[in-house]
């Protein structure tokens, strides 16, 4: 959970204004980055075999991570867009100049 908060902050500060499309799609697109890191780096480190998963059952934890990150990305994109609209931005985006404090 703390890492997802850090990823969410990175999304809002540095990435969201660079992505195009509806809010939910921007969130899902961004969620591919933490998903890739989780699957490529964390799975080998945690050694699923130690948790009772057989070598051929690798797809179960990967599918779980894909669904988890899909839900995370959808939620991040939609909620971030709603928060921006509540702050008075009808497009759901903060201009880059406003982010820089200009």
C-alpha atoms as a PDB file:
ATOM      1  CA  UNK A   1       0.000   0.000   0.000  1.00  0.00           C
ATOM      2  CA  UNK A   2       2.721   2.577   0.754  1.00  0.00           C
ATOM      3  CA  UNK A   3       4.320   1.950  -2.639  1.00  0.00           C
ATOM      4  CA  UNK A   4       0.974   2.444  -4.392  1.00  0.00           C
ATOM      5  CA  UNK A   5       0.665   5.794  -2.608  1.00  0.00           C
ATOM      6  CA  UNK A   6       4.119   6.750  -3.884  1.00  0.00           C
ATOM      7  CA  UNK A   7       3.133   5.638  -7.404  1.00  0.00           C
ATOM      8  CA  UNK A   8      -0.071   7.676  -7.118  1.00  0.00           C
ATOM      9  CA  UNK A   9       1.883  10.773  -6.130  1.00  0.00           C
ATOM     10  CA  UNK A  10       4.222  10.260  -9.085  1.00  0.00           C
ATOM     11  CA  UNK A  11       1.177   9.960 -11.349  1.00  0.00           C
ATOM     12  CA  UNK A  12      -0.327  13.224 -10.147  1.00  0.00           C
ATOM     13  CA  UNK A  13       2.877  15.242 -10.099  1.00  0.00           C
ATOM     14  CA  UNK A  14       4.809  14.073 -13.130  1.00  0.00           C
ATOM     15  CA  UNK A  15       2.840  11.811 -15.442  1.00  0.00           C
ATOM     16  CA  UNK A  16      -0.876  12.586 -15.612  1.00  0.00           C
ATOM     17  CA  UNK A  17      -0.571  15.746 -17.695  1.00  0.00           C
ATOM     18  CA  UNK A  18       1.566  13.892 -20.288  1.00  0.00           C
ATOM     19  CA  UNK A  19      -0.988  11.143 -20.973  1.00  0.00           C
ATOM     20  CA  UNK A  20      -3.881  11.504 -23.391  1.00  0.00           C
ATOM     21  CA  UNK A  21      -7.371  10.050 -23.390  1.00  0.00           C
ATOM     22  CA  UNK A  22     -10.100   9.679 -20.797  1.00  0.00           C
ATOM     23  CA  UNK A  23      -9.170   9.686 -17.117  1.00  0.00           C
ATOM     24  CA  UNK A  24      -9.667   5.953 -16.621  1.00  0.00           C
ATOM     25  CA  UNK A  25      -7.427   5.145 -19.600  1.00  0.00           C
ATOM     26  CA  UNK A  26      -4.683   7.470 -18.341  1.00  0.00           C
ATOM     27  CA  UNK A  27      -4.748   5.660 -14.988  1.00  0.00           C
ATOM     28  CA  UNK A  28      -4.669   2.198 -16.539  1.00  0.00           C
ATOM     29  CA  UNK A  29      -1.851   3.214 -18.884  1.00  0.00           C
ATOM     30  CA  UNK A  30       0.171   4.478 -15.941  1.00  0.00           C
ATOM     31  CA  UNK A  31      -0.527   1.311 -13.913  1.00  0.00           C
ATOM     32  CA  UNK A  32       1.410  -0.737 -16.472  1.00  0.00           C
ATOM     33  CA  UNK A  33       4.665   0.641 -15.006  1.00  0.00           C
ATOM     34  CA  UNK A  34       4.149  -0.619 -11.419  1.00  0.00           C
ATOM     35  CA  UNK A  35       2.696  -3.857 -12.835  1.00  0.00           C
ATOM     36  CA  UNK A  36       5.819  -4.465 -14.899  1.00  0.00           C
ATOM     37  CA  UNK A  37       8.060  -3.809 -11.917  1.00  0.00           C
ATOM     38  CA  UNK A  38       5.968  -6.073  -9.697  1.00  0.00           C
ATOM     39  CA  UNK A  39       6.013  -8.958 -12.165  1.00  0.00           C
ATOM     40  CA  UNK A  40       9.604  -8.588 -13.364  1.00  0.00           C
ATOM     41  CA  UNK A  41      11.348  -7.711 -10.112  1.00  0.00           C
ATOM     42  CA  UNK A  42       9.221  -8.665  -7.121  1.00  0.00           C
ATOM     43  CA  UNK A  43       8.010 -12.119  -8.166  1.00  0.00           C
ATOM     44  CA  UNK A  44      11.512 -13.570  -8.543  1.00  0.00           C
ATOM     45  CA  UNK A  45      12.524 -12.024  -5.214  1.00  0.00           C
ATOM     46  CA  UNK A  46       9.575 -13.483  -3.323  1.00  0.00           C
ATOM     47  CA  UNK A  47       9.991 -16.980  -4.800  1.00  0.00           C
ATOM     48  CA  UNK A  48       6.399 -18.152  -5.191  1.00  0.00           C
ATOM     49  CA  UNK A  49       7.550 -21.759  -4.828  1.00  0.00           C
ATOM     50  CA  UNK A  50       8.234 -21.072  -1.150  1.00  0.00           C
ATOM     51  CA  UNK A  51       4.592 -20.077  -0.742  1.00  0.00           C
ATOM     52  CA  UNK A  52       3.332 -23.414  -2.027  1.00  0.00           C
ATOM     53  CA  UNK A  53       2.781 -22.552  -5.692  1.00  0.00           C
ATOM     54  CA  UNK A  54       4.044 -25.166  -8.101  1.00  0.00           C
ATOM     55  CA  UNK A  55       6.343 -24.120 -10.924  1.00  0.00           C
ATOM     56  CA  UNK A  56       3.557 -24.390 -13.502  1.00  0.00           C
ATOM     57  CA  UNK A  57       1.140 -22.256 -11.443  1.00  0.00           C
ATOM     58  CA  UNK A  58       2.958 -18.974 -12.127  1.00  0.00           C
ATOM     59  CA  UNK A  59      -0.042 -17.577 -14.015  1.00  0.00           C
ATOM     60  CA  UNK A  60      -2.243 -17.394 -10.895  1.00  0.00           C
ATOM     61  CA  UNK A  61      -0.172 -14.743  -9.057  1.00  0.00           C
ATOM     62  CA  UNK A  62       0.517 -12.911 -12.337  1.00  0.00           C
ATOM     63  CA  UNK A  63      -3.213 -12.778 -13.141  1.00  0.00           C
ATOM     64  CA  UNK A  64      -3.866 -11.575  -9.596  1.00  0.00           C
ATOM     65  CA  UNK A  65      -1.316  -8.775 -10.033  1.00  0.00           C
ATOM     66  CA  UNK A  66      -2.772  -7.795 -13.416  1.00  0.00           C
ATOM     67  CA  UNK A  67      -6.280  -7.543 -11.942  1.00  0.00           C
ATOM     68  CA  UNK A  68      -4.983  -5.658  -8.903  1.00  0.00           C
ATOM     69  CA  UNK A  69      -3.088  -3.122 -11.000  1.00  0.00           C
ATOM     70  CA  UNK A  70      -5.978  -2.760 -13.458  1.00  0.00           C
ATOM     71  CA  UNK A  71      -8.250  -1.893 -10.542  1.00  0.00           C
ATOM     72  CA  UNK A  72      -5.589   0.443  -9.128  1.00  0.00           C
ATOM     73  CA  UNK A  73      -5.163   2.243 -12.457  1.00  0.00           C
ATOM     74  CA  UNK A  74      -8.908   2.622 -13.025  1.00  0.00           C
ATOM     75  CA  UNK A  75      -9.383   3.980  -9.517  1.00  0.00           C
ATOM     76  CA  UNK A  76      -6.380   6.288  -9.725  1.00  0.00           C
ATOM     77  CA  UNK A  77      -7.434   7.786 -13.040  1.00  0.00           C
ATOM     78  CA  UNK A  78     -11.088   8.280 -12.166  1.00  0.00           C
ATOM     79  CA  UNK A  79     -10.576   9.588  -8.624  1.00  0.00           C
ATOM     80  CA  UNK A  80      -7.749  11.921  -9.642  1.00  0.00           C
ATOM     81  CA  UNK A  81      -9.931  13.343 -12.420  1.00  0.00           C
ATOM     82  CA  UNK A  82     -12.844  13.835 -10.011  1.00  0.00           C
ATOM     83  CA  UNK A  83     -10.627  15.611  -7.486  1.00  0.00           C
ATOM     84  CA  UNK A  84      -9.356  17.969 -10.175  1.00  0.00           C
ATOM     85  CA  UNK A  85     -12.907  18.759 -11.313  1.00  0.00           C
ATOM     86  CA  UNK A  86     -13.904  19.421  -7.711  1.00  0.00           C
ATOM     87  CA  UNK A  87     -11.037  21.906  -7.496  1.00  0.00           C
ATOM     88  CA  UNK A  88     -12.576  23.817 -10.407  1.00  0.00           C
ATOM     89  CA  UNK A  89     -10.799  22.421 -13.466  1.00  0.00           C
ATOM     90  CA  UNK A  90     -13.589  21.270 -15.836  1.00  0.00           C
ATOM     91  CA  UNK A  91     -11.162  19.318 -18.032  1.00  0.00           C
ATOM     92  CA  UNK A  92      -9.886  17.280 -15.092  1.00  0.00           C
ATOM     93  CA  UNK A  93      -6.311  18.436 -15.670  1.00  0.00           C
ATOM     94  CA  UNK A  94      -4.007  20.965 -14.053  1.00  0.00           C
ATOM     95  CA  UNK A  95      -2.025  23.078 -16.538  1.00  0.00           C
ATOM     96  CA  UNK A  96       1.720  22.492 -16.455  1.00  0.00           C
ATOM     97  CA  UNK A  97       2.317  26.179 -15.558  1.00  0.00           C
ATOM     98  CA  UNK A  98       0.155  25.848 -12.436  1.00  0.00           C
ATOM     99  CA  UNK A  99       2.148  22.793 -11.332  1.00  0.00           C
ATOM    100  CA  UNK A 100       5.396  24.737 -11.514  1.00  0.00           C
ATOM    101  CA  UNK A 101       3.995  27.417  -9.246  1.00  0.00           C
ATOM    102  CA  UNK A 102       3.844  30.046 -12.002  1.00  0.00           C
END
